[in-house]
Amino acid sequence: MRRRSHGFRGSMEFLIASAAQQLQAEGARFLSLSGAPLARLDRGERPRALQRVLDLTGQVLEPVYGFRSLFAFKAKFQPTYQPMFMAYPDSAALPRIANAVSRAYLPHLNARQGLRLATKMIIRTRERVTTPGRTR
């Protein structure tokens, strides 16, 4: 879902709204805008450790993929938010899952770029841990 910088503003919104109207006319009761991985609705709860890691990962990858900007784009349509869950057998599977998700969303990421992103993520994590009380 990309448009050229000099393209018609609002073209994506128009296409999505038109498709939604057509689906409604055909009798569809709901339309899914799908999820925006690594972006979430802040419900004011203190996130657990795994959620903090996912939030940080989303921050680091934002310039590459745009999870949060996609989430903000979808908010224009006033969606009803439904949580999405992923089941996994145990925490030992998480590195393989992270690798698969990374390859799905960033298929052209090479090893050097992946290492640079991982390093950036580790540095940011250390900055957050060593700077207590820091606000964002």
N, C-alpha and C. Protein backbone atom coordinates (compact mmCIF):
# COMPACT_ATOMS: atom_id res chain seq x y z
N MET A 1 0.84 -1.16 0.00
CA MET A 1 0.00 0.00 0.00
C MET A 1 0.89 1.23 0.00
N ARG A 2 1.43 1.53 -1.13
CA ARG A 2 2.31 2.69 -1.25
C ARG A 2 1.80 3.58 -2.37
N ARG A 3 2.04 4.84 -2.23
CA ARG A 3 1.75 5.75 -3.34
C ARG A 3 2.96 6.64 -3.51
N ARG A 4 3.16 7.07 -4.72
CA ARG A 4 4.30 7.95 -4.98
C ARG A 4 4.10 9.26 -4.25
N SER A 5 5.22 9.89 -3.88
CA SER A 5 5.14 11.15 -3.13
C SER A 5 4.40 12.23 -3.92
N HIS A 6 4.46 12.17 -5.22
CA HIS A 6 3.76 13.18 -6.04
C HIS A 6 2.38 12.67 -6.50
N GLY A 7 1.96 11.50 -6.00
CA GLY A 7 0.68 10.93 -6.39
C GLY A 7 -0.49 11.64 -5.70
N PHE A 8 -1.68 11.28 -6.13
CA PHE A 8 -2.91 11.87 -5.60
C PHE A 8 -3.08 11.51 -4.13
N ARG A 9 -3.14 12.53 -3.27
CA ARG A 9 -3.35 12.29 -1.84
C ARG A 9 -4.75 11.73 -1.63
N GLY A 10 -4.84 10.79 -0.73
CA GLY A 10 -6.14 10.21 -0.42
C GLY A 10 -6.53 9.07 -1.35
N SER A 11 -5.65 8.67 -2.24
CA SER A 11 -6.02 7.60 -3.19
C SER A 11 -6.24 6.26 -2.47
N MET A 12 -5.39 5.94 -1.50
CA MET A 12 -5.57 4.68 -0.77
C MET A 12 -6.87 4.70 0.03
N GLU A 13 -7.13 5.82 0.69
CA GLU A 13 -8.35 5.94 1.46
C GLU A 13 -9.58 5.77 0.55
N PHE A 14 -9.52 6.38 -0.62
CA PHE A 14 -10.63 6.28 -1.57
C PHE A 14 -10.84 4.83 -2.01
N LEU A 15 -9.76 4.15 -2.34
CA LEU A 15 -9.88 2.76 -2.79
C LEU A 15 -10.42 1.85 -1.69
N ILE A 16 -9.94 2.02 -0.48
CA ILE A 16 -10.41 1.19 0.63
C ILE A 16 -11.87 1.48 0.95
N ALA A 17 -12.24 2.76 1.01
CA ALA A 17 -13.62 3.14 1.30
C ALA A 17 -14.56 2.64 0.19
N SER A 18 -14.13 2.75 -1.05
CA SER A 18 -14.96 2.26 -2.17
C SER A 18 -15.16 0.76 -2.08
N ALA A 19 -14.09 0.03 -1.78
CA ALA A 19 -14.21 -1.42 -1.64
C ALA A 19 -15.13 -1.77 -0.47
N ALA A 20 -15.02 -1.03 0.64
CA ALA A 20 -15.88 -1.28 1.80
C ALA A 20 -17.35 -1.06 1.46
N GLN A 21 -17.63 0.01 0.73
CA GLN A 21 -19.01 0.29 0.33
C GLN A 21 -19.55 -0.81 -0.59
N GLN A 22 -18.72 -1.26 -1.51
CA GLN A 22 -19.13 -2.32 -2.43
C GLN A 22 -19.40 -3.62 -1.66
N LEU A 23 -18.52 -3.94 -0.73
CA LEU A 23 -18.73 -5.14 0.09
C LEU A 23 -20.01 -5.05 0.91
N GLN A 24 -20.27 -3.87 1.46
CA GLN A 24 -21.49 -3.67 2.23
C GLN A 24 -22.72 -3.85 1.34
N ALA A 25 -22.67 -3.31 0.13
CA ALA A 25 -23.78 -3.45 -0.82
C ALA A 25 -24.00 -4.92 -1.19
N GLU A 26 -22.94 -5.70 -1.15
CA GLU A 26 -23.04 -7.13 -1.46
C GLU A 26 -23.45 -7.96 -0.26
N GLY A 27 -23.64 -7.31 0.90
CA GLY A 27 -24.13 -8.00 2.08
C GLY A 27 -23.09 -8.36 3.12
N ALA A 28 -21.87 -7.95 2.94
CA ALA A 28 -20.84 -8.25 3.95
C ALA A 28 -21.17 -7.51 5.24
N ARG A 29 -21.01 -8.21 6.37
CA ARG A 29 -21.32 -7.60 7.66
C ARG A 29 -20.11 -6.93 8.30
N PHE A 30 -18.91 -7.35 7.93
CA PHE A 30 -17.72 -6.70 8.45
C PHE A 30 -16.59 -6.80 7.43
N LEU A 31 -15.60 -5.96 7.61
CA LEU A 31 -14.43 -5.91 6.74
C LEU A 31 -13.20 -5.86 7.64
N SER A 32 -12.26 -6.70 7.38
CA SER A 32 -11.03 -6.70 8.17
C SER A 32 -9.96 -5.87 7.46
N LEU A 33 -9.37 -4.96 8.20
CA LEU A 33 -8.22 -4.22 7.68
C LEU A 33 -6.93 -4.94 8.04
N SER A 34 -7.07 -6.13 8.60
CA SER A 34 -5.95 -6.96 9.02
C SER A 34 -5.24 -6.32 10.19
N GLY A 35 -4.14 -6.89 10.57
CA GLY A 35 -3.40 -6.38 11.72
C GLY A 35 -2.25 -5.49 11.28
N ALA A 36 -1.70 -4.81 12.23
CA ALA A 36 -0.48 -4.03 12.02
C ALA A 36 0.52 -4.58 13.03
N PRO A 37 1.28 -5.59 12.62
CA PRO A 37 2.17 -6.24 13.58
C PRO A 37 3.15 -5.25 14.20
N LEU A 38 3.50 -5.50 15.42
CA LEU A 38 4.45 -4.69 16.19
C LEU A 38 3.96 -3.26 16.42
N ALA A 39 2.67 -3.06 16.32
CA ALA A 39 2.03 -1.80 16.69
C ALA A 39 0.78 -2.19 17.46
N ARG A 40 0.43 -1.42 18.45
CA ARG A 40 -0.73 -1.79 19.26
C ARG A 40 -1.42 -0.56 19.81
N LEU A 41 -2.64 -0.77 20.21
CA LEU A 41 -3.43 0.26 20.84
C LEU A 41 -3.00 0.35 22.30
N ASP A 42 -2.60 1.52 22.75
CA ASP A 42 -2.19 1.70 24.15
C ASP A 42 -3.43 1.79 25.01
N ARG A 43 -3.60 0.82 25.87
CA ARG A 43 -4.77 0.77 26.74
C ARG A 43 -4.44 1.18 28.16
N GLY A 44 -3.28 1.79 28.34
CA GLY A 44 -2.89 2.31 29.64
C GLY A 44 -2.38 1.27 30.62
N GLU A 45 -2.24 0.04 30.17
CA GLU A 45 -1.74 -1.02 31.04
C GLU A 45 -0.22 -1.05 30.96
N ARG A 46 0.41 -1.43 32.05
CA ARG A 46 1.87 -1.57 32.03
C ARG A 46 2.21 -2.85 31.29
N PRO A 47 2.95 -2.75 30.17
CA PRO A 47 3.24 -3.95 29.38
C PRO A 47 4.20 -4.89 30.09
N ARG A 48 4.02 -6.17 29.85
CA ARG A 48 4.92 -7.18 30.40
C ARG A 48 6.22 -7.19 29.61
N ALA A 49 7.18 -7.97 30.07
CA ALA A 49 8.52 -7.98 29.47
C ALA A 49 8.49 -8.31 27.98
N LEU A 50 7.75 -9.35 27.60
CA LEU A 50 7.70 -9.72 26.18
C LEU A 50 7.09 -8.61 25.35
N GLN A 51 6.04 -7.96 25.86
CA GLN A 51 5.42 -6.86 25.12
C GLN A 51 6.39 -5.69 24.97
N ARG A 52 7.20 -5.43 26.00
CA ARG A 52 8.20 -4.35 25.90
C ARG A 52 9.22 -4.66 24.81
N VAL A 53 9.62 -5.92 24.71
CA VAL A 53 10.56 -6.33 23.65
C VAL A 53 9.91 -6.13 22.29
N LEU A 54 8.65 -6.52 22.15
CA LEU A 54 7.94 -6.34 20.89
C LEU A 54 7.78 -4.86 20.55
N ASP A 55 7.49 -4.03 21.55
CA ASP A 55 7.37 -2.59 21.33
C ASP A 55 8.69 -2.01 20.84
N LEU A 56 9.77 -2.42 21.48
CA LEU A 56 11.10 -1.93 21.09
C LEU A 56 11.45 -2.40 19.67
N THR A 57 11.12 -3.64 19.36
CA THR A 57 11.36 -4.17 18.02
C THR A 57 10.59 -3.35 16.99
N GLY A 58 9.34 -3.03 17.31
CA GLY A 58 8.55 -2.20 16.41
C GLY A 58 9.15 -0.82 16.20
N GLN A 59 9.70 -0.25 17.26
CA GLN A 59 10.36 1.06 17.16
C GLN A 59 11.56 0.99 16.24
N VAL A 60 12.38 -0.02 16.43
CA VAL A 60 13.60 -0.16 15.63
C VAL A 60 13.26 -0.40 14.15
N LEU A 61 12.25 -1.22 13.91
CA LEU A 61 11.90 -1.57 12.53
C LEU A 61 10.98 -0.56 11.85
N GLU A 62 10.47 0.40 12.58
CA GLU A 62 9.55 1.39 12.00
C GLU A 62 10.09 2.05 10.74
N PRO A 63 11.34 2.52 10.73
CA PRO A 63 11.82 3.16 9.49
C PRO A 63 11.89 2.21 8.30
N VAL A 64 12.03 0.92 8.58
CA VAL A 64 12.17 -0.06 7.51
C VAL A 64 10.80 -0.50 6.99
N TYR A 65 9.85 -0.74 7.90
CA TYR A 65 8.56 -1.28 7.48
C TYR A 65 7.39 -0.32 7.68
N GLY A 66 7.34 0.37 8.78
CA GLY A 66 6.25 1.31 9.02
C GLY A 66 5.05 0.71 9.72
N PHE A 67 5.27 -0.12 10.72
CA PHE A 67 4.17 -0.75 11.46
C PHE A 67 3.26 0.29 12.10
N ARG A 68 3.87 1.26 12.77
CA ARG A 68 3.08 2.26 13.48
C ARG A 68 2.37 3.22 12.52
N SER A 69 3.02 3.56 11.42
CA SER A 69 2.35 4.43 10.45
C SER A 69 1.19 3.69 9.79
N LEU A 70 1.33 2.38 9.58
CA LEU A 70 0.23 1.58 9.06
C LEU A 70 -0.93 1.55 10.06
N PHE A 71 -0.59 1.39 11.33
CA PHE A 71 -1.60 1.39 12.39
C PHE A 71 -2.34 2.73 12.41
N ALA A 72 -1.59 3.83 12.31
CA ALA A 72 -2.20 5.16 12.29
C ALA A 72 -3.07 5.35 11.05
N PHE A 73 -2.62 4.85 9.91
CA PHE A 73 -3.41 4.95 8.68
C PHE A 73 -4.75 4.24 8.85
N LYS A 74 -4.72 3.05 9.40
CA LYS A 74 -5.95 2.27 9.57
C LYS A 74 -6.91 2.92 10.56
N ALA A 75 -6.38 3.71 11.50
CA ALA A 75 -7.22 4.38 12.49
C ALA A 75 -8.18 5.36 11.83
N LYS A 76 -7.85 5.85 10.64
CA LYS A 76 -8.73 6.78 9.92
C LYS A 76 -10.10 6.18 9.65
N PHE A 77 -10.16 4.86 9.59
CA PHE A 77 -11.40 4.18 9.26
C PHE A 77 -12.22 3.82 10.50
N GLN A 78 -11.79 4.31 11.66
CA GLN A 78 -12.48 4.09 12.93
C GLN A 78 -12.80 2.62 13.15
N PRO A 79 -11.77 1.78 13.16
CA PRO A 79 -12.02 0.35 13.30
C PRO A 79 -12.41 -0.04 14.72
N THR A 80 -12.96 -1.22 14.83
CA THR A 80 -13.17 -1.86 16.12
C THR A 80 -11.93 -2.72 16.33
N TYR A 81 -11.19 -2.45 17.39
CA TYR A 81 -9.94 -3.17 17.62
C TYR A 81 -10.21 -4.51 18.27
N GLN A 82 -9.65 -5.54 17.70
CA GLN A 82 -9.74 -6.89 18.25
C GLN A 82 -8.32 -7.40 18.46
N PRO A 83 -8.00 -7.89 19.65
CA PRO A 83 -6.65 -8.40 19.87
C PRO A 83 -6.36 -9.60 18.97
N MET A 84 -5.12 -9.72 18.57
CA MET A 84 -4.67 -10.87 17.79
C MET A 84 -3.61 -11.57 18.63
N PHE A 85 -3.67 -12.87 18.65
CA PHE A 85 -2.74 -13.65 19.46
C PHE A 85 -1.98 -14.63 18.59
N MET A 86 -0.80 -14.97 19.05
CA MET A 86 -0.02 -16.00 18.39
C MET A 86 0.31 -17.05 19.44
N ALA A 87 -0.03 -18.28 19.14
CA ALA A 87 0.28 -19.38 20.07
C ALA A 87 1.59 -20.02 19.63
N TYR A 88 2.42 -20.35 20.61
CA TYR A 88 3.69 -21.02 20.32
C TYR A 88 3.95 -22.02 21.43
N PRO A 89 4.68 -23.10 21.11
CA PRO A 89 4.83 -24.19 22.07
C PRO A 89 5.59 -23.81 23.34
N ASP A 90 6.67 -23.05 23.20
CA ASP A 90 7.41 -22.57 24.37
C ASP A 90 8.32 -21.44 23.91
N SER A 91 8.93 -20.76 24.87
CA SER A 91 9.72 -19.58 24.54
C SER A 91 10.95 -19.91 23.69
N ALA A 92 11.38 -21.16 23.66
CA ALA A 92 12.52 -21.55 22.83
C ALA A 92 12.19 -21.39 21.34
N ALA A 93 10.91 -21.36 20.99
CA ALA A 93 10.50 -21.20 19.59
C ALA A 93 10.53 -19.75 19.13
N LEU A 94 10.62 -18.81 20.07
CA LEU A 94 10.54 -17.39 19.71
C LEU A 94 11.62 -16.91 18.73
N PRO A 95 12.89 -17.33 18.87
CA PRO A 95 13.87 -16.89 17.86
C PRO A 95 13.52 -17.36 16.44
N ARG A 96 13.06 -18.60 16.30
CA ARG A 96 12.65 -19.09 14.97
C ARG A 96 11.45 -18.32 14.45
N ILE A 97 10.52 -18.01 15.33
CA ILE A 97 9.34 -17.25 14.93
C ILE A 97 9.75 -15.85 14.50
N ALA A 98 10.63 -15.21 15.28
CA ALA A 98 11.11 -13.87 14.93
C ALA A 98 11.80 -13.88 13.58
N ASN A 99 12.58 -14.90 13.31
CA ASN A 99 13.25 -15.02 12.02
C ASN A 99 12.23 -15.15 10.88
N ALA A 100 11.22 -15.99 11.08
CA ALA A 100 10.20 -16.18 10.04
C ALA A 100 9.41 -14.91 9.79
N VAL A 101 9.03 -14.21 10.86
CA VAL A 101 8.28 -12.96 10.71
C VAL A 101 9.15 -11.91 10.02
N SER A 102 10.41 -11.84 10.42
CA SER A 102 11.33 -10.88 9.79
C SER A 102 11.44 -11.15 8.30
N ARG A 103 11.57 -12.39 7.92
CA ARG A 103 11.68 -12.74 6.50
C ARG A 103 10.39 -12.45 5.74
N ALA A 104 9.26 -12.61 6.43
CA ALA A 104 7.98 -12.33 5.77
C ALA A 104 7.80 -10.85 5.49
N TYR A 105 8.19 -10.00 6.45
CA TYR A 105 7.98 -8.57 6.29
C TYR A 105 9.16 -7.85 5.66
N LEU A 106 10.33 -8.41 5.78
CA LEU A 106 11.53 -7.79 5.21
C LEU A 106 12.30 -8.84 4.40
N PRO A 107 11.72 -9.31 3.30
CA PRO A 107 12.33 -10.42 2.56
C PRO A 107 13.69 -10.10 1.95
N HIS A 108 13.99 -8.85 1.72
CA HIS A 108 15.26 -8.48 1.08
C HIS A 108 16.32 -8.04 2.09
N LEU A 109 16.04 -8.20 3.36
CA LEU A 109 16.99 -7.84 4.40
C LEU A 109 18.15 -8.84 4.36
N ASN A 110 19.36 -8.33 4.19
CA ASN A 110 20.50 -9.25 4.17
C ASN A 110 21.08 -9.37 5.58
N ALA A 111 22.07 -10.24 5.72
CA ALA A 111 22.64 -10.52 7.05
C ALA A 111 23.25 -9.27 7.67
N ARG A 112 23.95 -8.47 6.87
CA ARG A 112 24.58 -7.25 7.39
C ARG A 112 23.53 -6.28 7.91
N GLN A 113 22.46 -6.08 7.15
CA GLN A 113 21.39 -5.17 7.58
C GLN A 113 20.70 -5.71 8.84
N GLY A 114 20.49 -7.03 8.89
CA GLY A 114 19.87 -7.64 10.06
C GLY A 114 20.72 -7.46 11.30
N LEU A 115 22.04 -7.62 11.14
CA LEU A 115 22.95 -7.43 12.26
C LEU A 115 22.93 -5.98 12.72
N ARG A 116 22.89 -5.05 11.77
CA ARG A 116 22.85 -3.62 12.12
C ARG A 116 21.57 -3.30 12.89
N LEU A 117 20.43 -3.83 12.45
CA LEU A 117 19.16 -3.61 13.16
C LEU A 117 19.20 -4.21 14.56
N ALA A 118 19.75 -5.44 14.66
CA ALA A 118 19.83 -6.09 15.96
C ALA A 118 20.73 -5.29 16.91
N THR A 119 21.84 -4.79 16.39
CA THR A 119 22.75 -3.98 17.21
C THR A 119 22.05 -2.72 17.69
N LYS A 120 21.33 -2.08 16.79
CA LYS A 120 20.59 -0.87 17.14
C LYS A 120 19.57 -1.18 18.25
N MET A 121 18.92 -2.32 18.13
CA MET A 121 17.92 -2.71 19.12
C MET A 121 18.57 -2.96 20.47
N ILE A 122 19.69 -3.64 20.48
CA ILE A 122 20.40 -3.92 21.74
C ILE A 122 20.86 -2.62 22.39
N ILE A 123 21.39 -1.70 21.59
CA ILE A 123 21.84 -0.40 22.13
C ILE A 123 20.67 0.36 22.74
N ARG A 124 19.55 0.39 22.05
CA ARG A 124 18.38 1.09 22.60
C ARG A 124 17.89 0.44 23.88
N THR A 125 17.93 -0.89 23.92
CA THR A 125 17.51 -1.60 25.14
C THR A 125 18.41 -1.22 26.30
N ARG A 126 19.72 -1.20 26.07
CA ARG A 126 20.66 -0.83 27.13
C ARG A 126 20.46 0.61 27.58
N GLU A 127 20.19 1.50 26.63
CA GLU A 127 19.95 2.91 26.99
C GLU A 127 18.73 3.03 27.90
N ARG A 128 17.70 2.27 27.59
CA ARG A 128 16.48 2.33 28.41
C ARG A 128 16.73 1.77 29.80
N VAL A 129 17.52 0.70 29.90
CA VAL A 129 17.80 0.07 31.18
C VAL A 129 18.71 0.94 32.03
N THR A 130 19.70 1.57 31.41
CA THR A 130 20.68 2.35 32.18
C THR A 130 20.24 3.78 32.44
N THR A 131 19.10 4.20 31.88
CA THR A 131 18.61 5.56 32.08
C THR A 131 17.23 5.49 32.74
N PRO A 132 17.17 5.16 34.04
CA PRO A 132 15.88 5.05 34.71
C PRO A 132 15.16 6.40 34.77
N GLY A 133 13.85 6.34 34.66
CA GLY A 133 13.06 7.57 34.75
C GLY A 133 13.02 8.37 33.47
N ARG A 134 13.65 7.85 32.45
CA ARG A 134 13.67 8.57 31.17
C ARG A 134 12.28 8.53 30.55
N THR A 135 11.81 9.65 30.08
CA THR A 135 10.49 9.71 29.47
C THR A 135 10.63 9.79 27.96
N ARG A 136 9.62 9.31 27.28
CA ARG A 136 9.64 9.32 25.81
C ARG A 136 8.56 10.22 25.30
